Each structure stands twice: as structure tokens, then as C-alpha cells.
């Protein structure tokens, strides 16, 4: 498709916001994807860590994999979660990096940010922060992070090169990306690529 823009980026962003706004306010709704504790178990998250979190921290989780299965985080590491949603992966990361580490979650959906901030306050996490922003323009300074994590978010973004550029920018030299996402190795018809509803289906 070369330089053809298949869908309008702003329209896609609004569609994604709308879908995940629903997941924030009605986490037990009927969605085409799995959510919450059953999903975390299916994806192989540590039962002890997940069990230590309140329902509010887990119920809106809608990831596609387990970025921590690639490598556990180290004590004291600085972590950025792009597309942090209700905060589940941020809270798992915070447990792994300990009180000397820091975790910043980035999300564009107000309802998800409200939920994650409230949950962090209720739990008493002092080493996490949630910032409003786009994954194409991450509100984190250059070279700050030891690790960037992401879970089922990049596939929802039109400009993946820009996202990867932002990840590289915020990582310090020698830093790493641990992400889970959806990939398709088969050709996709142009009619499907240009159908905005299929991007979040």
C-alpha cells in the first residue's frame, strides 16, 4: 500500500478511545476480547502477583500477551508502559521493580486514567504515575527508561514507525522493549485495511 493512509488517524483514535472507555466503565461487559483475571491466568501471569491486586486493578485488563514472560523486570528499573489502560501491567511492573524503581503508564483515555490513578492511590503505590498522552508522542524525557512495555496497543495505532521511534527515544542506551501484540503474516485486502471498524474488532 506504500504511502496510502488506509484510515483517518484521528477517527481511528476516537474509535479506540470509545471502545476502551467502555472497558473502563463496564469491565464485565460483553466484548469480542477477554478481560480481567481469567485473561491474566490464560496469559500466564504470576498468580501470586495478580492475586495480590484488588479487582479494580485487574478487571479492565484486555492485553493480548504477557510482556513479563520475556524477562522479569529488575529491582530499581525505570519502566514505561505505553497504552497502560486500567493500569494492570503497571501494577505488575511496580511489584517487580520494587520501591526503588519507577513505572510510568501512558494512556489517552480519560476513563482509564481515572481508574488507574484511583487504584494506585487505593493500593498505596508511591512508585507509579499515570500520564495522559499518545504512544506516537510519549510524554517522557529522552533516555529515561530501562524498559518499555506494551500489551496489545501498537496494533491499534496507524503510525507504527512513529511509535517505534518514540520507544527508542525514551529508552536509555542498552534499554529494552518487552511487548505483546497482534501480528498478521498474511496479506490483508485493501477494503479491510480501510474499514475502521475492523481495526478494533
N, C-alpha and C. Protein backbone atom coordinates (compact mmCIF):
# COMPACT_ATOMS: atom_id res chain seq x y z
N UNK A 1 0.83 -1.21 0.00
CA UNK A 1 0.00 0.00 0.00
C UNK A 1 0.86 1.25 0.00
N UNK A 2 2.14 1.09 0.14
CA UNK A 2 3.10 2.18 0.10
C UNK A 2 2.66 3.34 0.99
N UNK A 3 2.52 4.54 0.44
CA UNK A 3 2.24 5.71 1.27
C UNK A 3 0.75 6.01 1.40
N UNK A 4 -0.10 5.07 1.06
CA UNK A 4 -1.54 5.27 1.20
C UNK A 4 -1.93 5.18 2.67
N UNK A 5 -2.69 6.15 3.15
CA UNK A 5 -3.20 6.10 4.52
C UNK A 5 -4.54 5.36 4.49
N UNK A 6 -4.62 4.18 5.10
CA UNK A 6 -5.83 3.37 4.96
C UNK A 6 -7.04 3.93 5.69
N UNK A 7 -6.83 4.54 6.82
CA UNK A 7 -7.93 5.16 7.57
C UNK A 7 -7.44 6.48 8.12
N UNK A 8 -8.36 7.31 8.55
CA UNK A 8 -8.01 8.58 9.16
C UNK A 8 -7.50 8.34 10.58
N UNK A 9 -6.31 8.83 10.88
CA UNK A 9 -5.69 8.56 12.18
C UNK A 9 -6.53 9.09 13.34
N UNK A 10 -7.07 10.29 13.19
CA UNK A 10 -7.88 10.87 14.27
C UNK A 10 -9.16 10.08 14.49
N UNK A 11 -9.78 9.63 13.40
CA UNK A 11 -11.01 8.85 13.53
C UNK A 11 -10.72 7.50 14.19
N UNK A 12 -9.60 6.89 13.82
CA UNK A 12 -9.22 5.62 14.43
C UNK A 12 -8.98 5.81 15.93
N UNK A 13 -8.30 6.88 16.29
CA UNK A 13 -8.02 7.15 17.70
C UNK A 13 -9.32 7.30 18.49
N UNK A 14 -10.29 8.00 17.92
CA UNK A 14 -11.57 8.17 18.61
C UNK A 14 -12.32 6.86 18.75
N UNK A 15 -12.20 6.01 17.74
CA UNK A 15 -12.85 4.69 17.81
C UNK A 15 -12.22 3.85 18.92
N UNK A 16 -10.89 3.89 19.01
CA UNK A 16 -10.18 3.14 20.06
C UNK A 16 -10.56 3.69 21.44
N UNK A 17 -10.59 5.01 21.57
CA UNK A 17 -10.99 5.62 22.84
C UNK A 17 -12.38 5.16 23.25
N UNK A 18 -13.29 5.17 22.31
CA UNK A 18 -14.66 4.78 22.60
C UNK A 18 -14.74 3.35 23.10
N UNK A 19 -14.01 2.45 22.45
CA UNK A 19 -14.04 1.04 22.84
C UNK A 19 -13.47 0.85 24.24
N UNK A 20 -12.34 1.47 24.53
CA UNK A 20 -11.70 1.24 25.82
C UNK A 20 -12.28 2.09 26.94
N UNK A 21 -13.02 3.13 26.56
CA UNK A 21 -13.82 3.85 27.56
C UNK A 21 -14.88 2.89 28.12
N UNK A 22 -15.49 2.10 27.24
CA UNK A 22 -16.47 1.11 27.67
C UNK A 22 -15.85 0.10 28.62
N UNK A 23 -14.65 -0.36 28.30
CA UNK A 23 -13.99 -1.37 29.13
C UNK A 23 -13.65 -0.80 30.51
N UNK A 24 -13.36 0.49 30.56
CA UNK A 24 -13.06 1.12 31.85
C UNK A 24 -14.30 1.22 32.72
N UNK A 25 -15.42 1.65 32.15
CA UNK A 25 -16.61 1.90 32.96
C UNK A 25 -17.48 0.65 33.13
N UNK A 26 -17.35 -0.31 32.21
CA UNK A 26 -18.13 -1.54 32.30
C UNK A 26 -17.23 -2.74 32.00
N UNK A 27 -16.30 -3.04 32.92
CA UNK A 27 -15.30 -4.07 32.65
C UNK A 27 -15.86 -5.47 32.47
N UNK A 28 -17.07 -5.70 32.93
CA UNK A 28 -17.67 -7.03 32.81
C UNK A 28 -18.69 -7.10 31.67
N UNK A 29 -18.60 -6.13 30.75
CA UNK A 29 -19.50 -6.11 29.60
C UNK A 29 -19.18 -7.22 28.62
N UNK A 30 -19.96 -7.28 27.56
CA UNK A 30 -19.82 -8.31 26.54
C UNK A 30 -18.93 -7.78 25.42
N UNK A 31 -17.67 -8.23 25.39
CA UNK A 31 -16.71 -7.76 24.40
C UNK A 31 -16.25 -8.92 23.52
N UNK A 32 -15.65 -8.58 22.38
CA UNK A 32 -15.15 -9.62 21.49
C UNK A 32 -13.78 -10.14 21.95
N UNK A 33 -13.26 -9.57 23.02
CA UNK A 33 -11.98 -9.99 23.58
C UNK A 33 -12.17 -10.32 25.06
N UNK A 34 -11.23 -11.09 25.61
CA UNK A 34 -11.29 -11.47 27.02
C UNK A 34 -10.74 -10.35 27.89
N UNK A 35 -11.15 -10.35 29.16
CA UNK A 35 -10.68 -9.32 30.10
C UNK A 35 -10.47 -9.94 31.48
N UNK A 36 -9.82 -9.16 32.35
CA UNK A 36 -9.76 -9.45 33.77
C UNK A 36 -8.90 -10.63 34.19
N UNK A 37 -9.23 -11.16 35.36
CA UNK A 37 -8.43 -12.24 35.96
C UNK A 37 -8.37 -13.51 35.10
N UNK A 38 -9.49 -13.94 34.49
CA UNK A 38 -9.38 -15.13 33.64
C UNK A 38 -8.38 -14.94 32.50
N UNK A 39 -8.35 -13.74 31.93
CA UNK A 39 -7.40 -13.46 30.85
C UNK A 39 -5.97 -13.49 31.38
N UNK A 40 -5.73 -12.85 32.52
CA UNK A 40 -4.38 -12.84 33.10
C UNK A 40 -3.89 -14.26 33.37
N UNK A 41 -4.78 -15.12 33.85
CA UNK A 41 -4.41 -16.51 34.10
C UNK A 41 -4.07 -17.22 32.80
N UNK A 42 -4.92 -17.02 31.79
CA UNK A 42 -4.71 -17.65 30.48
C UNK A 42 -3.37 -17.23 29.87
N UNK A 43 -2.96 -15.99 30.12
CA UNK A 43 -1.73 -15.47 29.53
C UNK A 43 -0.48 -15.77 30.37
N UNK A 44 -0.66 -16.47 31.48
CA UNK A 44 0.49 -16.92 32.25
C UNK A 44 1.07 -15.93 33.23
N UNK A 45 0.29 -14.95 33.65
CA UNK A 45 0.77 -14.02 34.67
C UNK A 45 0.94 -14.76 35.99
N UNK A 46 1.86 -14.27 36.81
CA UNK A 46 2.13 -14.85 38.12
C UNK A 46 0.88 -14.77 39.00
N UNK A 47 0.36 -15.93 39.40
CA UNK A 47 -0.87 -15.96 40.20
C UNK A 47 -0.75 -15.19 41.50
N UNK A 48 0.43 -15.25 42.12
CA UNK A 48 0.62 -14.56 43.40
C UNK A 48 0.55 -13.05 43.22
N UNK A 49 1.21 -12.54 42.16
CA UNK A 49 1.17 -11.10 41.90
C UNK A 49 -0.23 -10.64 41.56
N UNK A 50 -0.90 -11.37 40.68
CA UNK A 50 -2.25 -10.99 40.28
C UNK A 50 -3.20 -11.08 41.48
N UNK A 51 -3.04 -12.12 42.28
CA UNK A 51 -3.89 -12.30 43.45
C UNK A 51 -3.72 -11.22 44.49
N UNK A 52 -2.57 -10.56 44.48
CA UNK A 52 -2.32 -9.50 45.47
C UNK A 52 -2.97 -8.18 45.09
N UNK A 53 -3.52 -8.10 43.87
CA UNK A 53 -4.11 -6.85 43.39
C UNK A 53 -5.62 -6.86 43.57
N UNK A 54 -6.21 -5.71 43.89
CA UNK A 54 -7.67 -5.63 44.02
C UNK A 54 -8.35 -5.77 42.66
N UNK A 55 -9.62 -6.07 42.66
CA UNK A 55 -10.37 -6.25 41.41
C UNK A 55 -10.25 -5.05 40.49
N UNK A 56 -10.29 -3.84 41.05
CA UNK A 56 -10.23 -2.63 40.22
C UNK A 56 -8.96 -2.56 39.39
N UNK A 57 -7.87 -3.19 39.87
CA UNK A 57 -6.60 -3.17 39.16
C UNK A 57 -6.54 -4.18 38.03
N UNK A 58 -7.46 -5.15 38.05
CA UNK A 58 -7.37 -6.28 37.11
C UNK A 58 -8.55 -6.34 36.15
N UNK A 59 -9.71 -5.89 36.56
CA UNK A 59 -10.94 -6.15 35.81
C UNK A 59 -10.97 -5.55 34.41
N UNK A 60 -10.28 -4.45 34.16
CA UNK A 60 -10.29 -3.83 32.83
C UNK A 60 -9.09 -4.24 31.98
N UNK A 61 -8.31 -5.20 32.47
CA UNK A 61 -7.17 -5.70 31.70
C UNK A 61 -7.67 -6.38 30.43
N UNK A 62 -7.08 -5.99 29.29
CA UNK A 62 -7.51 -6.54 27.99
C UNK A 62 -6.30 -6.77 27.09
N UNK A 63 -5.20 -7.25 27.68
CA UNK A 63 -3.98 -7.48 26.90
C UNK A 63 -4.09 -8.69 25.99
N UNK A 64 -3.05 -8.87 25.18
CA UNK A 64 -3.03 -10.00 24.24
C UNK A 64 -1.90 -10.98 24.55
N UNK A 65 -1.06 -10.65 25.52
CA UNK A 65 0.07 -11.50 25.88
C UNK A 65 0.60 -11.09 27.24
N UNK A 66 1.78 -11.58 27.55
CA UNK A 66 2.41 -11.30 28.84
C UNK A 66 3.83 -10.80 28.61
N UNK A 67 4.02 -9.49 28.58
CA UNK A 67 5.36 -8.95 28.32
C UNK A 67 6.39 -9.34 29.37
N UNK A 68 5.95 -9.73 30.56
CA UNK A 68 6.88 -10.12 31.62
C UNK A 68 7.40 -11.54 31.44
N UNK A 69 6.76 -12.31 30.56
CA UNK A 69 7.25 -13.66 30.29
C UNK A 69 8.55 -13.63 29.50
N UNK A 70 8.82 -12.50 28.84
CA UNK A 70 10.06 -12.38 28.07
C UNK A 70 11.27 -12.27 28.98
N UNK A 71 11.08 -11.57 30.11
CA UNK A 71 12.15 -11.37 31.09
C UNK A 71 11.57 -10.61 32.27
N UNK A 72 11.80 -11.07 33.49
CA UNK A 72 11.32 -10.30 34.65
C UNK A 72 12.02 -8.95 34.72
N UNK A 73 11.34 -7.98 35.26
CA UNK A 73 11.96 -6.68 35.47
C UNK A 73 12.88 -6.76 36.68
N UNK A 74 13.88 -5.89 36.70
CA UNK A 74 14.84 -5.88 37.80
C UNK A 74 14.50 -4.84 38.84
N UNK A 75 14.91 -5.10 40.05
CA UNK A 75 14.74 -4.14 41.14
C UNK A 75 15.37 -2.81 40.75
N UNK A 76 14.63 -1.73 40.97
CA UNK A 76 15.16 -0.39 40.73
C UNK A 76 15.06 0.09 39.30
N UNK A 77 14.52 -0.72 38.39
CA UNK A 77 14.44 -0.28 37.00
C UNK A 77 13.34 0.76 36.81
N UNK A 78 13.55 1.58 35.77
CA UNK A 78 12.55 2.57 35.36
C UNK A 78 11.81 2.01 34.15
N UNK A 79 10.49 2.03 34.21
CA UNK A 79 9.67 1.37 33.20
C UNK A 79 8.60 2.33 32.68
N UNK A 80 8.37 2.28 31.38
CA UNK A 80 7.26 3.00 30.75
C UNK A 80 6.34 1.98 30.11
N UNK A 81 5.05 2.08 30.42
CA UNK A 81 4.04 1.23 29.80
C UNK A 81 3.24 2.10 28.84
N UNK A 82 3.38 1.85 27.53
CA UNK A 82 2.63 2.65 26.56
C UNK A 82 1.29 1.98 26.29
N UNK A 83 0.24 2.76 26.50
CA UNK A 83 -1.11 2.22 26.40
C UNK A 83 -1.47 1.44 27.65
N UNK A 84 -1.36 2.09 28.80
CA UNK A 84 -1.44 1.39 30.09
C UNK A 84 -2.85 1.06 30.53
N UNK A 85 -3.87 1.59 29.88
CA UNK A 85 -5.25 1.22 30.21
C UNK A 85 -5.57 1.42 31.68
N UNK A 86 -6.18 0.40 32.28
CA UNK A 86 -6.56 0.47 33.69
C UNK A 86 -5.42 0.27 34.66
N UNK A 87 -4.21 0.07 34.14
CA UNK A 87 -3.02 0.03 35.00
C UNK A 87 -2.50 -1.33 35.38
N UNK A 88 -3.14 -2.40 34.92
CA UNK A 88 -2.75 -3.74 35.36
C UNK A 88 -1.27 -4.02 35.17
N UNK A 89 -0.74 -3.84 33.96
CA UNK A 89 0.68 -4.12 33.73
C UNK A 89 1.58 -3.17 34.51
N UNK A 90 1.13 -1.94 34.72
CA UNK A 90 1.90 -1.00 35.54
C UNK A 90 2.03 -1.52 36.96
N UNK A 91 0.94 -2.04 37.50
CA UNK A 91 0.96 -2.54 38.88
C UNK A 91 1.82 -3.80 39.00
N UNK A 92 1.78 -4.67 38.00
CA UNK A 92 2.65 -5.84 37.99
C UNK A 92 4.11 -5.39 37.93
N UNK A 93 4.39 -4.42 37.04
CA UNK A 93 5.75 -3.90 36.92
C UNK A 93 6.22 -3.27 38.22
N UNK A 94 5.33 -2.52 38.87
CA UNK A 94 5.70 -1.86 40.13
C UNK A 94 6.11 -2.86 41.19
N UNK A 95 5.40 -3.99 41.25
CA UNK A 95 5.77 -5.04 42.21
C UNK A 95 7.16 -5.59 41.89
N UNK A 96 7.46 -5.73 40.59
CA UNK A 96 8.74 -6.33 40.20
C UNK A 96 9.93 -5.38 40.42
N UNK A 97 9.74 -4.08 40.15
CA UNK A 97 10.87 -3.16 40.27
C UNK A 97 11.09 -2.70 41.71
N UNK A 98 10.09 -2.89 42.57
CA UNK A 98 10.25 -2.54 43.98
C UNK A 98 10.19 -1.05 44.23
N UNK A 99 10.35 -0.69 45.46
CA UNK A 99 10.20 0.71 45.87
C UNK A 99 11.27 1.63 45.30
N UNK A 100 12.40 1.07 44.89
CA UNK A 100 13.45 1.89 44.29
C UNK A 100 13.23 2.12 42.80
N UNK A 101 12.34 1.35 42.19
CA UNK A 101 12.03 1.52 40.77
C UNK A 101 10.91 2.51 40.56
N UNK A 102 10.68 2.84 39.29
CA UNK A 102 9.61 3.76 38.93
C UNK A 102 8.91 3.22 37.69
N UNK A 103 7.58 3.38 37.65
CA UNK A 103 6.81 2.95 36.50
C UNK A 103 5.87 4.08 36.08
N UNK A 104 5.91 4.42 34.80
CA UNK A 104 5.03 5.46 34.25
C UNK A 104 4.12 4.81 33.22
N UNK A 105 2.83 4.96 33.41
CA UNK A 105 1.85 4.48 32.44
C UNK A 105 1.35 5.62 31.58
N UNK A 106 1.26 5.38 30.28
CA UNK A 106 0.80 6.38 29.32
C UNK A 106 -0.50 5.89 28.70
N UNK A 107 -1.54 6.72 28.73
CA UNK A 107 -2.79 6.35 28.09
C UNK A 107 -3.50 7.60 27.60
N UNK A 108 -4.38 7.43 26.61
CA UNK A 108 -5.08 8.59 26.04
C UNK A 108 -6.55 8.65 26.47
N UNK A 109 -7.01 7.63 27.19
CA UNK A 109 -8.41 7.54 27.54
C UNK A 109 -8.64 8.02 28.97
N UNK A 110 -9.41 9.08 29.11
CA UNK A 110 -9.61 9.72 30.41
C UNK A 110 -10.15 8.74 31.45
N UNK A 111 -11.10 7.90 31.04
CA UNK A 111 -11.71 6.97 31.99
C UNK A 111 -10.71 5.93 32.48
N UNK A 112 -9.84 5.47 31.61
CA UNK A 112 -8.81 4.53 32.02
C UNK A 112 -7.81 5.21 32.97
N UNK A 113 -7.45 6.44 32.66
CA UNK A 113 -6.52 7.17 33.53
C UNK A 113 -7.13 7.41 34.91
N UNK A 114 -8.40 7.79 34.94
CA UNK A 114 -9.07 7.99 36.23
C UNK A 114 -9.04 6.69 37.04
N UNK A 115 -9.35 5.59 36.37
CA UNK A 115 -9.40 4.31 37.06
C UNK A 115 -8.03 3.91 37.58
N UNK A 116 -7.02 4.02 36.76
CA UNK A 116 -5.68 3.61 37.18
C UNK A 116 -5.12 4.49 38.28
N UNK A 117 -5.38 5.78 38.21
CA UNK A 117 -4.89 6.69 39.26
C UNK A 117 -5.60 6.43 40.58
N UNK A 118 -6.90 6.21 40.52
CA UNK A 118 -7.64 5.91 41.75
C UNK A 118 -7.18 4.60 42.38
N UNK A 119 -6.95 3.61 41.53
CA UNK A 119 -6.50 2.31 42.04
C UNK A 119 -5.12 2.43 42.67
N UNK A 120 -4.22 3.16 42.01
CA UNK A 120 -2.87 3.35 42.56
C UNK A 120 -2.93 4.01 43.93
N UNK A 121 -3.81 4.99 44.06
CA UNK A 121 -3.95 5.68 45.35
C UNK A 121 -4.52 4.74 46.40
N UNK A 122 -5.50 3.93 46.01
CA UNK A 122 -6.11 2.99 46.96
C UNK A 122 -5.10 1.93 47.42
N UNK A 123 -4.27 1.46 46.50
CA UNK A 123 -3.27 0.45 46.84
C UNK A 123 -2.14 1.05 47.66
N UNK A 124 -1.85 2.33 47.39
CA UNK A 124 -0.76 2.99 48.09
C UNK A 124 0.57 2.89 47.36
N UNK A 125 0.52 2.68 46.04
CA UNK A 125 1.76 2.67 45.26
C UNK A 125 2.33 4.08 45.19
N UNK A 126 3.57 4.22 45.60
CA UNK A 126 4.22 5.53 45.51
C UNK A 126 5.20 5.60 44.35
N UNK A 127 5.41 4.48 43.67
CA UNK A 127 6.41 4.44 42.60
C UNK A 127 5.77 4.35 41.22
N UNK A 128 4.47 4.71 41.11
CA UNK A 128 3.81 4.70 39.81
C UNK A 128 3.20 6.07 39.53
N UNK A 129 3.11 6.36 38.23
CA UNK A 129 2.50 7.61 37.78
C UNK A 129 1.80 7.33 36.46
N UNK A 130 0.65 7.95 36.26
CA UNK A 130 -0.08 7.79 35.01
C UNK A 130 -0.18 9.14 34.32
N UNK A 131 0.25 9.19 33.06
CA UNK A 131 0.26 10.43 32.30
C UNK A 131 -0.63 10.29 31.07
N UNK A 132 -1.36 11.36 30.78
CA UNK A 132 -2.17 11.37 29.57
C UNK A 132 -1.28 11.64 28.37
N UNK A 133 -1.43 10.86 27.33
CA UNK A 133 -0.63 11.08 26.14
C UNK A 133 -0.87 10.01 25.10
N UNK A 134 -0.28 10.24 23.94
CA UNK A 134 -0.38 9.31 22.82
C UNK A 134 0.90 8.51 22.72
N UNK A 135 0.79 7.29 22.23
CA UNK A 135 2.01 6.48 22.10
C UNK A 135 2.85 6.94 20.90
N UNK A 136 2.27 7.82 20.07
CA UNK A 136 3.06 8.44 18.99
C UNK A 136 3.80 9.67 19.48
N UNK A 137 3.55 10.10 20.70
CA UNK A 137 4.21 11.27 21.29
C UNK A 137 4.26 11.07 22.80
N UNK A 138 5.11 10.17 23.23
CA UNK A 138 5.15 9.73 24.63
C UNK A 138 5.66 10.86 25.53
N UNK A 139 4.89 11.25 26.54
CA UNK A 139 5.30 12.34 27.43
C UNK A 139 6.31 11.88 28.49
N UNK A 140 7.46 11.44 28.01
CA UNK A 140 8.57 11.01 28.87
C UNK A 140 9.85 11.52 28.23
N UNK A 141 10.78 11.96 29.06
CA UNK A 141 12.00 12.55 28.53
C UNK A 141 12.90 11.51 27.85
N UNK A 142 13.78 12.00 27.00
CA UNK A 142 14.71 11.14 26.26
C UNK A 142 15.54 10.30 27.22
N UNK A 143 15.71 9.03 26.88
CA UNK A 143 16.64 8.17 27.60
C UNK A 143 16.30 7.91 29.05
N UNK A 144 15.04 8.03 29.42
CA UNK A 144 14.66 7.87 30.83
C UNK A 144 14.50 6.41 31.23
N UNK A 145 13.99 5.58 30.33
CA UNK A 145 13.52 4.24 30.71
C UNK A 145 14.58 3.15 30.50
N UNK A 146 14.62 2.23 31.45
CA UNK A 146 15.37 0.99 31.26
C UNK A 146 14.58 0.02 30.38
N UNK A 147 13.26 0.06 30.55
CA UNK A 147 12.38 -0.87 29.84
C UNK A 147 11.12 -0.14 29.40
N UNK A 148 10.68 -0.42 28.18
CA UNK A 148 9.35 -0.02 27.72
C UNK A 148 8.55 -1.30 27.55
N UNK A 149 7.34 -1.32 28.13
CA UNK A 149 6.44 -2.45 27.93
C UNK A 149 5.20 -1.97 27.20
N UNK A 150 4.54 -2.89 26.52
CA UNK A 150 3.32 -2.59 25.81
C UNK A 150 2.57 -3.88 25.60
N UNK A 151 1.24 -3.81 25.62
CA UNK A 151 0.45 -5.03 25.56
C UNK A 151 -0.82 -4.82 24.73
N UNK A 152 -0.75 -5.21 23.46
CA UNK A 152 -1.92 -5.14 22.60
C UNK A 152 -2.34 -3.74 22.23
N UNK A 153 -1.36 -2.85 22.05
CA UNK A 153 -1.67 -1.44 21.79
C UNK A 153 -1.16 -0.98 20.43
N UNK A 154 0.04 -1.38 20.07
CA UNK A 154 0.65 -0.90 18.82
C UNK A 154 -0.21 -1.26 17.61
N UNK A 155 -0.87 -2.40 17.65
CA UNK A 155 -1.71 -2.80 16.51
C UNK A 155 -2.89 -1.84 16.31
N UNK A 156 -3.26 -1.08 17.33
CA UNK A 156 -4.37 -0.15 17.24
C UNK A 156 -3.95 1.23 16.75
N UNK A 157 -2.68 1.39 16.47
CA UNK A 157 -2.12 2.68 16.07
C UNK A 157 -1.75 2.64 14.59
N UNK A 158 -2.09 3.69 13.88
CA UNK A 158 -1.83 3.74 12.44
C UNK A 158 -0.35 3.90 12.12
N UNK A 159 0.34 4.80 12.83
CA UNK A 159 1.73 5.14 12.51
C UNK A 159 2.68 4.35 13.41
N UNK A 160 2.92 3.11 13.06
CA UNK A 160 3.75 2.24 13.89
C UNK A 160 5.22 2.66 13.89
N UNK A 161 5.69 3.21 12.78
CA UNK A 161 7.08 3.69 12.74
C UNK A 161 7.30 4.80 13.75
N UNK A 162 6.33 5.68 13.86
CA UNK A 162 6.45 6.77 14.82
C UNK A 162 6.44 6.23 16.25
N UNK A 163 5.58 5.24 16.51
CA UNK A 163 5.54 4.62 17.83
C UNK A 163 6.89 4.01 18.18
N UNK A 164 7.45 3.26 17.24
CA UNK A 164 8.75 2.63 17.49
C UNK A 164 9.85 3.67 17.68
N UNK A 165 9.74 4.78 16.97
CA UNK A 165 10.70 5.86 17.15
C UNK A 165 10.61 6.47 18.55
N UNK A 166 9.40 6.61 19.06
CA UNK A 166 9.20 7.13 20.40
C UNK A 166 9.73 6.16 21.46
N UNK A 167 9.51 4.88 21.23
CA UNK A 167 10.04 3.88 22.15
C UNK A 167 11.56 3.99 22.21
N UNK A 168 12.17 4.08 21.07
CA UNK A 168 13.64 4.19 21.02
C UNK A 168 14.12 5.47 21.71
N UNK A 169 13.37 6.55 21.53
CA UNK A 169 13.76 7.83 22.13
C UNK A 169 13.76 7.78 23.65
N UNK A 170 12.71 7.17 24.24
CA UNK A 170 12.61 7.20 25.70
C UNK A 170 13.49 6.15 26.38
N UNK A 171 13.95 5.16 25.61
CA UNK A 171 14.83 4.15 26.20
C UNK A 171 16.25 4.68 26.33
N UNK A 172 16.89 4.36 27.45
CA UNK A 172 18.30 4.70 27.60
C UNK A 172 19.14 3.73 26.76
N UNK A 173 20.37 4.06 26.45
CA UNK A 173 21.23 3.12 25.72
C UNK A 173 21.29 1.78 26.43
N UNK A 174 21.07 0.71 25.69
CA UNK A 174 21.06 -0.62 26.29
C UNK A 174 19.71 -1.01 26.87
N UNK A 175 18.73 -0.09 26.82
CA UNK A 175 17.39 -0.39 27.32
C UNK A 175 16.70 -1.40 26.41
N UNK A 176 15.56 -1.90 26.87
CA UNK A 176 14.89 -2.95 26.11
C UNK A 176 13.39 -2.71 26.01
N UNK A 177 12.82 -3.29 24.96
CA UNK A 177 11.38 -3.28 24.72
C UNK A 177 10.85 -4.68 24.97
N UNK A 178 9.82 -4.78 25.81
CA UNK A 178 9.14 -6.04 26.07
C UNK A 178 7.67 -5.83 25.76
N UNK A 179 7.22 -6.38 24.64
CA UNK A 179 5.83 -6.12 24.27
C UNK A 179 5.15 -7.35 23.73
N UNK A 180 3.85 -7.32 23.83
CA UNK A 180 2.98 -8.35 23.27
C UNK A 180 2.00 -7.64 22.35
N UNK A 181 1.75 -8.24 21.20
CA UNK A 181 0.83 -7.59 20.27
C UNK A 181 0.27 -8.60 19.29
N UNK A 182 -0.61 -8.13 18.45
CA UNK A 182 -1.24 -8.94 17.42
C UNK A 182 -0.50 -8.68 16.11
N UNK A 183 -0.16 -9.76 15.41
CA UNK A 183 0.51 -9.62 14.12
C UNK A 183 -0.17 -10.53 13.12
N UNK A 184 -0.13 -10.12 11.87
CA UNK A 184 -0.73 -10.91 10.80
C UNK A 184 0.29 -11.04 9.68
N UNK A 185 0.65 -12.27 9.35
CA UNK A 185 1.63 -12.50 8.30
C UNK A 185 1.04 -12.68 6.93
N UNK A 186 -0.28 -12.59 6.82
CA UNK A 186 -0.94 -12.77 5.53
C UNK A 186 -1.37 -11.44 4.95
N UNK A 187 -1.44 -11.35 3.62
CA UNK A 187 -1.92 -10.10 3.01
C UNK A 187 -3.34 -9.78 3.45
N UNK A 188 -3.60 -8.49 3.69
CA UNK A 188 -4.92 -8.04 4.10
C UNK A 188 -5.51 -7.23 2.94
N UNK A 189 -6.73 -7.55 2.52
CA UNK A 189 -7.34 -6.78 1.42
C UNK A 189 -7.44 -5.30 1.76
N UNK A 190 -7.27 -4.46 0.75
CA UNK A 190 -7.32 -3.02 0.98
C UNK A 190 -8.67 -2.61 1.56
N UNK A 191 -9.73 -3.31 1.17
CA UNK A 191 -11.06 -2.98 1.69
C UNK A 191 -11.13 -3.20 3.20
N UNK A 192 -10.40 -4.20 3.69
CA UNK A 192 -10.38 -4.47 5.12
C UNK A 192 -9.50 -3.46 5.85
N UNK A 193 -8.36 -3.14 5.26
CA UNK A 193 -7.44 -2.18 5.88
C UNK A 193 -8.11 -0.82 6.03
N UNK A 194 -8.95 -0.47 5.09
CA UNK A 194 -9.60 0.85 5.13
C UNK A 194 -10.90 0.86 5.91
N UNK A 195 -11.28 -0.29 6.50
CA UNK A 195 -12.50 -0.37 7.30
C UNK A 195 -12.16 -0.12 8.76
N UNK A 196 -12.49 1.05 9.26
CA UNK A 196 -12.08 1.46 10.61
C UNK A 196 -12.66 0.53 11.67
N UNK A 197 -13.84 -0.04 11.43
CA UNK A 197 -14.45 -0.92 12.41
C UNK A 197 -13.63 -2.18 12.63
N UNK A 198 -12.93 -2.63 11.60
CA UNK A 198 -12.13 -3.85 11.72
C UNK A 198 -10.85 -3.65 12.53
N UNK A 199 -10.42 -2.40 12.66
CA UNK A 199 -9.21 -2.12 13.45
C UNK A 199 -9.41 -2.43 14.92
N UNK A 200 -10.62 -2.27 15.39
CA UNK A 200 -10.90 -2.53 16.82
C UNK A 200 -11.81 -3.73 17.01
N UNK A 201 -12.06 -4.48 15.95
CA UNK A 201 -12.96 -5.64 16.04
C UNK A 201 -12.30 -6.79 16.79
